[in-house]
Amino acid sequence: MTPVNLSAKLDQFSAHWSPKIVAGYNGNDVMVVKVLGEFNWHSHLDTDDFFLVLKGEIDIEMRDRTVTLGAGEMFVVSKGVEHRPVARQEAHLMIIEPSGTPNTGHPETAVVKDRI
């Protein structure tokens, strides 16, 4: 049990849309990720999707609306809701989801989430 410095963890990688696990609790992965550009449209049938912006700004596009988030703001996309995050400039996020949840909604297209 040691503190986790999120900025230091984010300094360890440069890849976009590649979440890195920094901690776990109660069967959930706590991750940091750098984002830039558009992610693919997807949904998660079994879990909500938690986004906390640490730096920058992102849009969470849904089929019926767009939510814009700045640093210090969070948003939860309800399970089953199709969405895609979009960052017009690089942004840093913390995301939390049950361990093993594919970031694209489908295991065959999901990235491997490394622990750092």
Protein backbone atom coordinates (compact mmCIF):
# COMPACT_ATOMS: atom_id res chain seq x y z
CA MET A 1 0.00 0.00 0.00
CA THR A 2 1.79 3.04 -1.33
CA PRO A 3 0.54 6.30 -2.83
CA VAL A 4 0.22 6.44 -6.62
CA ASN A 5 1.40 9.61 -8.37
CA LEU A 6 -0.79 9.80 -11.48
CA SER A 7 1.40 12.42 -13.18
CA ALA A 8 4.48 10.23 -12.73
CA LYS A 9 2.60 7.25 -14.16
CA LEU A 10 1.49 9.29 -17.18
CA ASP A 11 5.11 10.34 -17.76
CA GLN A 12 6.04 6.67 -18.29
CA PHE A 13 4.36 6.29 -21.69
CA SER A 14 3.37 8.26 -24.78
CA ALA A 15 0.92 5.99 -26.65
CA HIS A 16 -2.64 7.23 -27.10
CA TRP A 17 -5.74 5.13 -26.36
CA SER A 18 -3.66 2.56 -24.46
CA PRO A 19 -4.88 2.47 -20.83
CA LYS A 20 -2.31 1.60 -18.15
CA ILE A 21 -3.41 -0.03 -14.90
CA VAL A 22 -2.07 1.89 -11.88
CA ALA A 23 -4.12 0.26 -9.10
CA GLY A 24 -6.95 -2.11 -8.39
CA TYR A 25 -9.76 -2.22 -5.89
CA ASN A 26 -12.74 -4.54 -5.38
CA GLY A 27 -12.22 -6.22 -8.74
CA ASN A 28 -11.85 -2.94 -10.63
CA ASP A 29 -8.89 -1.57 -12.58
CA VAL A 30 -7.92 2.06 -11.96
CA MET A 31 -6.18 3.26 -15.12
CA VAL A 32 -4.61 6.32 -16.68
CA VAL A 33 -4.70 6.93 -20.41
CA LYS A 34 -3.53 9.57 -22.87
CA VAL A 35 -6.04 10.34 -25.61
CA LEU A 36 -5.91 12.25 -28.88
CA GLY A 37 -8.33 12.17 -31.80
CA GLU A 38 -11.43 10.00 -32.03
CA PHE A 39 -11.91 6.62 -30.43
CA ASN A 40 -14.31 4.14 -32.01
CA TRP A 41 -18.03 3.99 -31.29
CA HIS A 42 -18.71 1.27 -28.73
CA SER A 43 -20.77 0.28 -25.70
CA HIS A 44 -20.31 -1.93 -22.67
CA LEU A 45 -23.27 -4.22 -22.05
CA ASP A 46 -22.24 -5.24 -18.53
CA THR A 47 -20.75 -2.11 -16.96
CA ASP A 48 -20.90 1.67 -16.82
CA ASP A 49 -17.92 3.63 -18.20
CA PHE A 50 -16.24 6.11 -15.78
CA PHE A 51 -14.17 9.03 -17.14
CA LEU A 52 -12.27 11.61 -15.04
CA VAL A 53 -10.30 14.25 -16.95
CA LEU A 54 -6.94 14.97 -15.32
CA LYS A 55 -5.61 17.31 -18.01
CA GLY A 56 -7.09 18.86 -21.15
CA GLU A 57 -10.60 18.49 -22.50
CA ILE A 58 -12.59 15.69 -24.10
CA ASP A 59 -15.99 15.24 -25.67
CA ILE A 60 -17.99 12.14 -24.88
CA GLU A 61 -20.16 11.73 -27.96
CA MET A 62 -23.34 9.71 -27.65
CA ARG A 63 -25.88 9.19 -30.39
CA ASP A 64 -28.26 11.79 -28.90
CA ARG A 65 -25.87 14.33 -27.33
CA THR A 66 -22.28 15.31 -26.59
CA VAL A 67 -20.87 16.01 -23.12
CA THR A 68 -17.74 18.16 -22.90
CA LEU A 69 -15.44 17.61 -19.92
CA GLY A 70 -12.51 19.70 -18.71
CA ALA A 71 -9.82 19.00 -16.15
CA GLY A 72 -11.33 17.98 -12.83
CA GLU A 73 -14.65 16.90 -14.34
CA MET A 74 -16.01 13.38 -14.53
CA PHE A 75 -18.80 11.61 -16.36
CA VAL A 76 -20.30 8.13 -16.24
CA VAL A 77 -21.72 6.59 -19.41
CA SER A 78 -24.43 4.12 -18.45
CA LYS A 79 -23.98 0.52 -19.51
CA GLY A 80 -25.36 -0.23 -22.94
CA VAL A 81 -25.10 3.39 -24.17
CA GLU A 82 -23.12 3.70 -27.41
CA HIS A 83 -20.45 6.38 -27.13
CA ARG A 84 -17.00 7.50 -28.23
CA PRO A 85 -14.51 9.81 -26.54
CA VAL A 86 -12.95 12.53 -28.71
CA ALA A 87 -9.94 14.70 -27.83
CA ARG A 88 -9.07 17.54 -30.19
CA GLN A 89 -5.78 18.01 -28.30
CA GLU A 90 -4.00 15.50 -26.09
CA ALA A 91 -5.84 14.90 -22.83
CA HIS A 92 -5.11 12.70 -19.82
CA LEU A 93 -7.82 10.65 -18.14
CA MET A 94 -8.38 8.33 -15.25
CA ILE A 95 -10.81 5.54 -16.01
CA ILE A 96 -12.19 2.87 -13.71
CA GLU A 97 -13.83 -0.36 -14.85
CA PRO A 98 -14.14 -4.00 -13.79
CA SER A 99 -10.93 -5.93 -14.44
CA GLY A 100 -10.93 -7.51 -17.89
CA THR A 101 -13.41 -5.09 -19.45
CA PRO A 102 -12.43 -4.60 -23.12
CA ASN A 103 -11.94 -0.90 -23.90
CA THR A 104 -13.67 -1.29 -27.28
CA GLY A 105 -16.57 -3.30 -25.89
CA HIS A 106 -15.30 -6.43 -27.72
CA PRO A 107 -12.39 -8.64 -26.58
CA GLU A 108 -11.16 -9.27 -30.13
CA THR A 109 -10.55 -5.53 -30.81
CA ALA A 110 -9.48 -4.41 -27.33
CA VAL A 111 -5.97 -3.30 -26.39
CA VAL A 112 -3.98 -5.22 -23.81
CA LYS A 113 -3.91 -3.20 -20.60
CA ASP A 114 -0.47 -3.22 -19.02
CA ARG A 115 0.20 -2.54 -15.34
CA ILE A 116 2.70 0.24 -14.68
